[in-house]
């Protein structure tokens, strides 16, 4: 059985997905991760190749303390987009949550050289906290 094109089945366009994405992002900004998560998971069902939505699912799982689920989503996102620093910093946090310190600190060493100060500063802070 092939993949189901849910957008076609529902008669939706990309606009409807963007509406869901914006609503879900609003819940994230309010700290309502438990509401945002199923919305982003639904977006992943509609478009399993969306690295952004997968990365967001992973980040939400990190925020909710679900490290194993986070790693699964973040790994999928990295397979699609590769070297994405926001995904990698969330992967680092998930690894630390699971006690996989050596792997996490190796990622921090790489990420501390990022040009994005948010990512590099986060990596440096994690290095200071866990070294």
Protein backbone atom coordinates (compact mmCIF):
# COMPACT_ATOMS: atom_id res chain seq x y z
CA UNK A 1 0.00 0.00 0.00
CA UNK A 2 1.38 3.41 -0.97
CA UNK A 3 1.54 6.59 1.03
CA UNK A 4 -1.76 8.37 1.49
CA UNK A 5 -1.82 11.97 0.32
CA UNK A 6 -3.87 13.37 3.19
CA UNK A 7 -3.97 16.85 1.72
CA UNK A 8 -5.68 15.49 -1.37
CA UNK A 9 -8.02 13.28 0.65
CA UNK A 10 -9.12 16.26 2.76
CA UNK A 11 -9.07 18.70 -0.14
CA UNK A 12 -6.62 20.91 1.75
CA UNK A 13 -3.92 23.19 0.41
CA UNK A 14 -0.67 24.31 2.01
CA UNK A 15 -2.61 27.25 3.50
CA UNK A 16 -4.44 24.96 5.92
CA UNK A 17 -1.16 23.43 7.07
CA UNK A 18 0.30 26.87 7.62
CA UNK A 19 -2.75 27.82 9.70
CA UNK A 20 -2.17 24.75 11.91
CA UNK A 21 1.54 25.57 12.13
CA UNK A 22 0.84 29.16 13.22
CA UNK A 23 -1.69 28.04 15.83
CA UNK A 24 0.76 25.44 17.16
CA UNK A 25 3.55 28.00 17.29
CA UNK A 26 1.26 30.31 19.27
CA UNK A 27 0.82 27.57 21.84
CA UNK A 28 4.58 27.14 22.04
CA UNK A 29 5.01 30.85 22.74
CA UNK A 30 2.49 30.49 25.56
CA UNK A 31 4.39 27.52 26.99
CA UNK A 32 1.50 25.16 26.23
CA UNK A 33 3.68 22.41 24.81
CA UNK A 34 1.11 19.70 25.49
CA UNK A 35 -1.29 21.44 23.08
CA UNK A 36 1.33 22.34 20.47
CA UNK A 37 2.83 18.84 20.28
CA UNK A 38 -0.14 16.98 18.74
CA UNK A 39 -0.58 19.80 16.23
CA UNK A 40 3.04 19.49 15.09
CA UNK A 41 2.75 15.70 15.07
CA UNK A 42 -0.26 16.06 12.77
CA UNK A 43 1.78 18.34 10.51
CA UNK A 44 4.45 15.62 10.35
CA UNK A 45 1.78 13.13 9.28
CA UNK A 46 0.74 15.48 6.49
CA UNK A 47 4.33 16.15 5.42
CA UNK A 48 6.81 13.58 6.80
CA UNK A 49 9.64 15.31 4.92
CA UNK A 50 9.28 18.62 6.77
CA UNK A 51 12.51 19.01 8.70
CA UNK A 52 11.10 22.10 10.44
CA UNK A 53 8.07 20.27 11.82
CA UNK A 54 10.14 17.25 12.89
CA UNK A 55 12.71 19.48 14.58
CA UNK A 56 9.92 21.29 16.39
CA UNK A 57 8.44 17.99 17.59
CA UNK A 58 11.88 17.05 18.88
CA UNK A 59 12.30 20.40 20.64
CA UNK A 60 8.88 20.03 22.25
CA UNK A 61 9.78 16.58 23.52
CA UNK A 62 12.98 18.03 25.00
CA UNK A 63 10.94 20.71 26.78
CA UNK A 64 8.57 18.04 28.08
CA UNK A 65 11.40 15.81 29.36
CA UNK A 66 10.84 13.02 26.80
CA UNK A 67 14.45 12.60 25.66
CA UNK A 68 14.09 9.31 23.75
CA UNK A 69 11.13 10.58 21.74
CA UNK A 70 13.04 13.81 21.13
CA UNK A 71 16.05 11.98 19.74
CA UNK A 72 13.87 9.94 17.40
CA UNK A 73 12.24 13.08 15.94
CA UNK A 74 15.51 15.03 15.81
CA UNK A 75 17.32 12.18 14.05
CA UNK A 76 14.59 12.13 11.39
CA UNK A 77 14.93 15.90 10.95
CA UNK A 78 18.71 15.63 10.60
CA UNK A 79 18.34 12.91 7.94
CA UNK A 80 16.26 15.36 5.92
CA UNK A 81 18.17 18.59 6.52
CA UNK A 82 21.58 17.45 7.70
CA UNK A 83 23.63 20.02 9.54
CA UNK A 84 20.97 22.17 11.22
CA UNK A 85 22.35 23.83 14.33
CA UNK A 86 19.01 24.30 16.14
CA UNK A 87 18.26 20.61 15.70
CA UNK A 88 21.75 19.71 16.91
CA UNK A 89 21.48 21.85 20.06
CA UNK A 90 18.20 20.15 20.93
CA UNK A 91 19.79 16.77 20.24
CA UNK A 92 22.59 17.76 22.63
CA UNK A 93 20.07 18.57 25.34
CA UNK A 94 18.26 15.25 24.82
CA UNK A 95 21.54 13.34 25.00
CA UNK A 96 22.38 15.08 28.27
CA UNK A 97 18.97 14.18 29.66
CA UNK A 98 19.77 10.53 28.97
CA UNK A 99 23.21 10.76 30.56
CA UNK A 100 25.02 10.45 27.23
CA UNK A 101 27.43 13.17 28.25
CA UNK A 102 30.38 12.26 26.01
CA UNK A 103 28.29 12.44 22.81
CA UNK A 104 26.61 15.64 23.92
CA UNK A 105 29.86 17.41 24.77
CA UNK A 106 31.33 16.47 21.39
CA UNK A 107 28.38 18.18 19.74
CA UNK A 108 28.84 21.20 22.02
CA UNK A 109 32.47 21.52 20.92
CA UNK A 110 31.28 21.74 17.32
CA UNK A 111 28.31 24.01 18.03
CA UNK A 112 30.30 26.53 20.09
CA UNK A 113 31.89 27.61 16.77
CA UNK A 114 28.53 28.41 15.14
CA UNK A 115 28.09 31.91 13.78
CA UNK A 116 24.61 32.16 15.31
CA UNK A 117 25.30 33.56 18.79
CA UNK A 118 22.20 31.89 20.28
CA UNK A 119 23.52 28.46 19.28
CA UNK A 120 27.17 29.11 20.13
CA UNK A 121 26.32 30.63 23.51
CA UNK A 122 24.00 27.74 24.35
CA UNK A 123 26.74 25.26 23.43
CA UNK A 124 29.27 27.14 25.55
CA UNK A 125 26.86 27.23 28.49
CA UNK A 126 26.24 23.50 28.22
CA UNK A 127 29.99 22.88 28.10
CA UNK A 128 30.47 24.93 31.26
CA UNK A 129 27.60 23.19 33.02
CA UNK A 130 28.55 19.63 32.10
CA UNK A 131 32.37 19.68 31.85
